Protein backbone atom coordinates (compact mmCIF):
# COMPACT_ATOMS: atom_id res chain seq x y z
CA UNK A 1 2.72 -215.34 -114.62
CA UNK A 2 4.24 -215.01 -111.14
CA UNK A 3 4.46 -211.88 -109.08
CA UNK A 4 7.61 -210.93 -107.21
CA UNK A 5 7.49 -208.32 -104.53
CA UNK A 6 10.21 -205.71 -104.68
CA UNK A 7 10.78 -202.54 -102.61
CA UNK A 8 9.68 -199.37 -104.30
CA UNK A 9 13.22 -198.09 -103.96
CA UNK A 10 15.23 -199.27 -106.98
CA UNK A 11 18.28 -201.27 -106.17
CA UNK A 12 20.20 -199.96 -109.14
CA UNK A 13 19.78 -196.40 -107.84
CA UNK A 14 22.45 -197.16 -105.24
CA UNK A 15 25.08 -198.83 -107.47
CA UNK A 16 28.37 -197.18 -106.61
CA UNK A 17 31.97 -197.60 -107.69
CA UNK A 18 34.88 -196.64 -105.48
CA UNK A 19 38.59 -197.33 -105.05
CA UNK A 20 39.27 -198.53 -101.43
CA UNK A 21 42.89 -199.18 -102.42
CA UNK A 22 44.99 -198.20 -105.40
CA UNK A 23 44.70 -201.58 -107.11
CA UNK A 24 41.17 -202.50 -105.96
CA UNK A 25 37.77 -201.38 -107.26
CA UNK A 26 34.65 -201.93 -105.25
CA UNK A 27 31.24 -202.36 -106.81
CA UNK A 28 28.60 -201.52 -104.23
CA UNK A 29 24.86 -202.25 -104.57
CA UNK A 30 22.36 -202.40 -101.77
CA UNK A 31 19.25 -204.29 -100.83
CA UNK A 32 16.56 -202.53 -98.80
CA UNK A 33 15.39 -204.74 -96.02
CA UNK A 34 12.19 -203.55 -94.23
CA UNK A 35 12.84 -202.89 -90.61
CA UNK A 36 16.58 -203.29 -90.96
CA UNK A 37 17.78 -200.67 -93.41
CA UNK A 38 19.99 -200.79 -96.52
CA UNK A 39 22.45 -203.71 -96.61
CA UNK A 40 25.52 -203.11 -98.71
CA UNK A 41 26.28 -205.84 -101.22
CA UNK A 42 29.88 -205.61 -102.43
CA UNK A 43 32.03 -207.13 -105.12
CA UNK A 44 35.63 -206.31 -105.79
CA UNK A 45 37.96 -206.19 -108.71
CA UNK A 46 41.67 -206.80 -107.75
CA UNK A 47 43.96 -205.47 -110.45
CA UNK A 48 46.62 -208.10 -110.10
CA UNK A 49 48.74 -209.19 -113.04
CA UNK A 50 45.93 -211.70 -113.53
CA UNK A 51 42.79 -209.68 -112.53
CA UNK A 52 40.44 -211.18 -110.05
CA UNK A 53 36.75 -210.55 -109.38
CA UNK A 54 35.54 -211.27 -105.85
CA UNK A 55 31.81 -212.11 -105.70
CA UNK A 56 29.39 -211.20 -108.36
CA UNK A 57 26.67 -208.77 -107.11
CA UNK A 58 22.92 -209.09 -106.79
CA UNK A 59 20.91 -211.16 -109.24
CA UNK A 60 18.19 -208.47 -109.24
CA UNK A 61 20.69 -205.83 -110.43
CA UNK A 62 22.57 -208.06 -112.91
CA UNK A 63 22.36 -205.74 -115.95
CA UNK A 64 23.64 -202.71 -114.04
CA UNK A 65 26.31 -204.82 -112.35
CA UNK A 66 27.62 -206.18 -115.62
CA UNK A 67 27.73 -202.74 -117.26
CA UNK A 68 29.78 -201.45 -114.38
CA UNK A 69 32.03 -204.48 -114.15
CA UNK A 70 32.99 -204.39 -117.86
CA UNK A 71 33.71 -200.70 -117.54
CA UNK A 72 36.36 -201.66 -114.88
CA UNK A 73 37.96 -204.71 -116.51
CA UNK A 74 37.92 -206.07 -119.98
CA UNK A 75 36.28 -209.53 -120.27
CA UNK A 76 39.41 -210.85 -122.09
CA UNK A 77 41.58 -209.72 -119.20
CA UNK A 78 39.64 -211.21 -116.33
CA UNK A 79 41.35 -214.43 -115.17
CA UNK A 80 39.72 -215.38 -111.89
CA UNK A 81 36.16 -215.20 -110.50
CA UNK A 82 36.21 -215.93 -106.81
CA UNK A 83 33.00 -216.85 -104.95
CA UNK A 84 33.29 -216.49 -101.23
CA UNK A 85 30.24 -218.79 -100.88
CA UNK A 86 27.38 -220.12 -102.99
CA UNK A 87 24.75 -217.44 -102.18
CA UNK A 88 26.90 -214.75 -103.71
CA UNK A 89 26.46 -216.13 -107.25
CA UNK A 90 24.62 -213.05 -108.64
CA UNK A 91 25.88 -212.69 -112.18
CA UNK A 92 28.53 -215.40 -112.10
CA UNK A 93 27.37 -217.43 -115.08
CA UNK A 94 26.93 -214.40 -117.34
CA UNK A 95 30.43 -213.35 -116.37
CA UNK A 96 31.91 -216.81 -117.10
CA UNK A 97 30.10 -216.83 -120.44
CA UNK A 98 31.59 -213.49 -121.41
CA UNK A 99 35.06 -213.82 -119.91
CA UNK A 100 35.98 -217.03 -121.63
CA UNK A 101 39.45 -217.34 -120.07
CA UNK A 102 38.30 -216.80 -116.48
CA UNK A 103 38.20 -219.67 -114.00
CA UNK A 104 35.67 -219.98 -111.20
CA UNK A 105 37.40 -220.25 -107.83
CA UNK A 106 35.73 -221.43 -104.64
CA UNK A 107 36.17 -223.90 -101.81
CA UNK A 108 35.55 -227.62 -102.24
CA UNK A 109 32.27 -227.46 -100.20
CA UNK A 110 31.25 -224.40 -102.13
CA UNK A 111 31.75 -226.14 -105.43
CA UNK A 112 29.76 -229.10 -104.23
CA UNK A 113 26.84 -226.89 -103.19
CA UNK A 114 26.96 -224.88 -106.44
CA UNK A 115 26.96 -228.15 -108.45
CA UNK A 116 23.68 -229.20 -106.91
CA UNK A 117 21.86 -226.56 -109.04
CA UNK A 118 24.30 -225.60 -111.79
CA UNK A 119 26.58 -227.47 -114.18
CA UNK A 120 29.99 -225.92 -114.07
CA UNK A 121 32.48 -227.44 -116.65
CA UNK A 122 35.47 -228.98 -114.86
CA UNK A 123 37.91 -227.06 -116.99
CA UNK A 124 36.41 -223.79 -115.68
CA UNK A 125 36.83 -224.69 -112.01
CA UNK A 126 39.57 -224.09 -109.52
CA UNK A 127 39.32 -225.35 -105.96
CA UNK A 128 40.81 -223.17 -103.16
CA UNK A 129 40.38 -224.29 -99.62
CA UNK A 130 41.20 -222.42 -96.33
CA UNK A 131 44.95 -222.12 -95.87
CA UNK A 132 45.66 -222.48 -99.56
CA UNK A 133 46.94 -219.72 -101.80
CA UNK A 134 46.00 -218.56 -105.28
CA UNK A 135 48.90 -217.19 -107.43
CA UNK A 136 47.62 -214.35 -109.53
CA UNK A 137 50.90 -213.31 -111.09
CA UNK A 138 52.25 -210.49 -108.89
CA UNK A 139 50.85 -211.66 -105.59
CA UNK A 140 49.19 -214.52 -103.78
CA UNK A 141 45.71 -214.55 -102.29
CA UNK A 142 45.39 -216.73 -99.17
CA UNK A 143 42.03 -218.28 -98.41
CA UNK A 144 40.82 -218.36 -94.79
CA UNK A 145 37.73 -219.45 -92.93
CA UNK A 146 36.07 -216.38 -91.42
CA UNK A 147 35.13 -216.69 -87.69
CA UNK A 148 31.59 -215.62 -88.53
CA UNK A 149 29.72 -216.99 -91.54
CA UNK A 150 26.25 -218.11 -92.61
CA UNK A 151 27.49 -221.05 -94.74
CA UNK A 152 29.97 -223.87 -93.98
CA UNK A 153 31.49 -223.32 -97.44
CA UNK A 154 32.37 -219.66 -96.83
CA UNK A 155 35.98 -218.48 -97.20
CA UNK A 156 37.64 -215.08 -97.28
CA UNK A 157 40.85 -213.90 -98.84
CA UNK A 158 43.95 -212.09 -97.72
CA UNK A 159 45.97 -210.22 -100.32
CA UNK A 160 49.49 -210.96 -99.28
CA UNK A 161 50.92 -208.03 -101.28
CA UNK A 162 48.70 -205.22 -99.95
CA UNK A 163 47.28 -206.68 -96.68
CA UNK A 164 43.72 -206.19 -97.86
CA UNK A 165 41.23 -208.54 -96.13
CA UNK A 166 38.18 -209.64 -98.11
CA UNK A 167 36.07 -210.94 -95.27
CA UNK A 168 32.80 -212.02 -96.99
CA UNK A 169 29.80 -212.18 -94.62
CA UNK A 170 31.99 -211.87 -91.50
CA UNK A 171 31.88 -208.13 -91.86
CA UNK A 172 28.46 -206.55 -92.43
CA UNK A 173 25.97 -204.03 -91.14
CA UNK A 174 22.74 -202.65 -92.49
CA UNK A 175 22.91 -198.91 -92.95
CA UNK A 176 20.19 -196.33 -92.17
CA UNK A 177 20.48 -194.68 -95.62
CA UNK A 178 21.71 -195.18 -99.15
CA UNK A 179 24.20 -192.36 -98.60
CA UNK A 180 25.93 -194.33 -95.89
CA UNK A 181 26.02 -197.39 -98.14
CA UNK A 182 28.17 -195.26 -100.48
CA UNK A 183 30.52 -194.05 -97.78
CA UNK A 184 34.25 -194.24 -98.57
CA UNK A 185 34.96 -195.57 -95.12
CA UNK A 186 32.95 -197.05 -92.23
CA UNK A 187 34.30 -194.12 -90.17
CA UNK A 188 31.53 -192.04 -91.77
CA UNK A 189 28.93 -194.17 -90.01
CA UNK A 190 28.10 -192.93 -86.48
CA UNK A 191 29.66 -195.34 -84.00
CA UNK A 192 26.33 -196.21 -82.33
CA UNK A 193 24.80 -197.06 -85.69
CA UNK A 194 27.80 -199.06 -86.77
CA UNK A 195 27.90 -201.16 -83.53
CA UNK A 196 24.11 -201.77 -83.64
CA UNK A 197 24.33 -202.66 -87.31
CA UNK A 198 27.22 -205.15 -86.87
CA UNK A 199 25.52 -206.79 -83.88
CA UNK A 200 22.23 -207.05 -85.76
CA UNK A 201 23.97 -208.47 -88.86
CA UNK A 202 25.79 -211.10 -86.77
CA UNK A 203 22.58 -212.19 -85.07
CA UNK A 204 20.64 -212.31 -88.36
CA UNK A 205 23.26 -213.82 -90.64
CA UNK A 206 25.14 -216.25 -88.43
CA UNK A 207 23.25 -219.36 -87.31
CA UNK A 208 22.97 -219.29 -83.52
CA UNK A 209 26.23 -217.28 -82.81
CA UNK A 210 25.70 -217.68 -79.06
CA UNK A 211 26.15 -221.44 -79.46
CA UNK A 212 29.61 -221.09 -80.87
CA UNK A 213 32.53 -222.10 -78.69
CA UNK A 214 33.63 -218.73 -77.25
CA UNK A 215 37.34 -219.59 -77.07
CA UNK A 216 37.47 -220.95 -80.58
CA UNK A 217 35.57 -217.92 -81.90
CA UNK A 218 37.81 -215.42 -80.19
CA UNK A 219 40.89 -217.40 -81.29
CA UNK A 220 39.81 -217.23 -84.93
CA UNK A 221 39.13 -213.53 -84.62
CA UNK A 222 42.47 -212.85 -82.96
CA UNK A 223 44.26 -214.75 -85.77
CA UNK A 224 42.61 -212.48 -88.35
CA UNK A 225 43.25 -209.29 -86.28
CA UNK A 226 46.93 -210.25 -85.87
CA UNK A 227 47.36 -210.15 -89.59
CA UNK A 228 46.91 -206.42 -89.24
CA UNK A 229 44.83 -205.94 -92.50
CA UNK A 230 45.56 -202.69 -94.26
CA UNK A 231 41.83 -202.40 -95.03
CA UNK A 232 38.85 -204.65 -94.20
CA UNK A 233 36.62 -205.21 -97.23
CA UNK A 234 33.44 -207.03 -96.20
CA UNK A 235 30.74 -208.51 -98.29
CA UNK A 236 28.16 -206.28 -96.53
CA UNK A 237 30.07 -203.44 -94.95
CA UNK A 238 31.58 -200.17 -96.19
CA UNK A 239 35.40 -200.27 -96.31
CA UNK A 240 37.25 -200.10 -93.01
CA UNK A 241 40.55 -198.22 -93.21
CA UNK A 242 40.39 -196.07 -90.04
CA UNK A 243 38.15 -198.20 -87.84
CA UNK A 244 39.76 -201.59 -88.32
CA UNK A 245 40.36 -202.12 -84.58
CA UNK A 246 36.89 -200.98 -83.58
CA UNK A 247 35.35 -203.21 -86.19
CA UNK A 248 37.20 -206.15 -84.66
CA UNK A 249 36.29 -205.04 -81.14
CA UNK A 250 32.61 -205.01 -82.06
CA UNK A 251 32.84 -208.51 -83.54
CA UNK A 252 34.51 -209.79 -80.34
CA UNK A 253 31.29 -208.86 -78.55
CA UNK A 254 28.87 -209.67 -81.30
CA UNK A 255 28.77 -213.34 -80.38
CA UNK A 256 26.66 -212.40 -77.41
CA UNK A 257 24.20 -210.21 -79.31
CA UNK A 258 20.58 -211.12 -78.77
CA UNK A 259 19.30 -213.66 -81.30
CA UNK A 260 17.37 -212.21 -84.19
CA UNK A 261 13.99 -213.50 -85.22
CA UNK A 262 12.42 -212.56 -88.47
CA UNK A 263 8.81 -211.29 -88.75
CA UNK A 264 5.89 -213.62 -88.08
CA UNK A 265 3.27 -214.17 -90.72
CA UNK A 266 1.23 -211.08 -89.83
CA UNK A 267 4.18 -208.73 -89.82
CA UNK A 268 5.44 -210.35 -93.00
CA UNK A 269 2.14 -209.70 -94.76
CA UNK A 270 2.26 -206.04 -93.57
CA UNK A 271 5.75 -205.76 -94.93
CA UNK A 272 4.57 -207.05 -98.32
CA UNK A 273 1.77 -204.46 -98.31
CA UNK A 274 4.46 -201.77 -98.32
CA UNK A 275 6.20 -203.35 -101.33
CA UNK A 276 5.35 -202.97 -104.96
CA UNK A 277 4.33 -206.13 -106.94
CA UNK A 278 6.16 -206.63 -110.24
CA UNK A 279 5.31 -209.24 -112.79
CA UNK A 280 8.07 -211.64 -113.73
């Protein structure tokens, strides 16, 4: 019998459903990270003519996530399950088993990485690479490569009907409380906390951001900004309706954020001492 260490705060206590846009539902969970705060973990249901799920929640909260998901969309109605990248798999296989008509959508590199550990039937796959579009009945979703990412397979989506930007790990920030995780808009987060959180997330999640070519990075960010998203919906950030420009401004500077180093062995052991062992 193995023991897994989990924070005494229950992840499911923070599960939150909101409507960041009229035809989009957001499922927000959080993971408490010692020394950093509460990191939002978001998934989205797009109520297109052919409904789409974007990302699939935390594995640790799978039962709660699935209960909430099926309260938002009927399994028989779900047509597309979009993974922005392979570490957002969460409940994906339970979802595919229940929603028998849904196809798994991800980039070609993402599918390759996923296939290293899981067998996905070819008839349940759909490859969508950066620059390509997915027709979901009443709109098209365009895949793009986010300027910041922790994985070479990562893609985001632009809803060409509404202008919503699903930015995956490009947009993220740990929050100081569970209440802020549940905010309807990032404008509720004090600016100093938001800026510090975005910079910390960039340094922690993106491999060596300071080594990226500055011009190429800023060009990619400008391309995304010029699309003028109606709302920015990140994988790890509260929705941005009213602070879209400031969120982009912070990312423009985030490349130069100090590198983040995780705890050494001693600090790691001290962290574990503050966590509750659970048998699995």
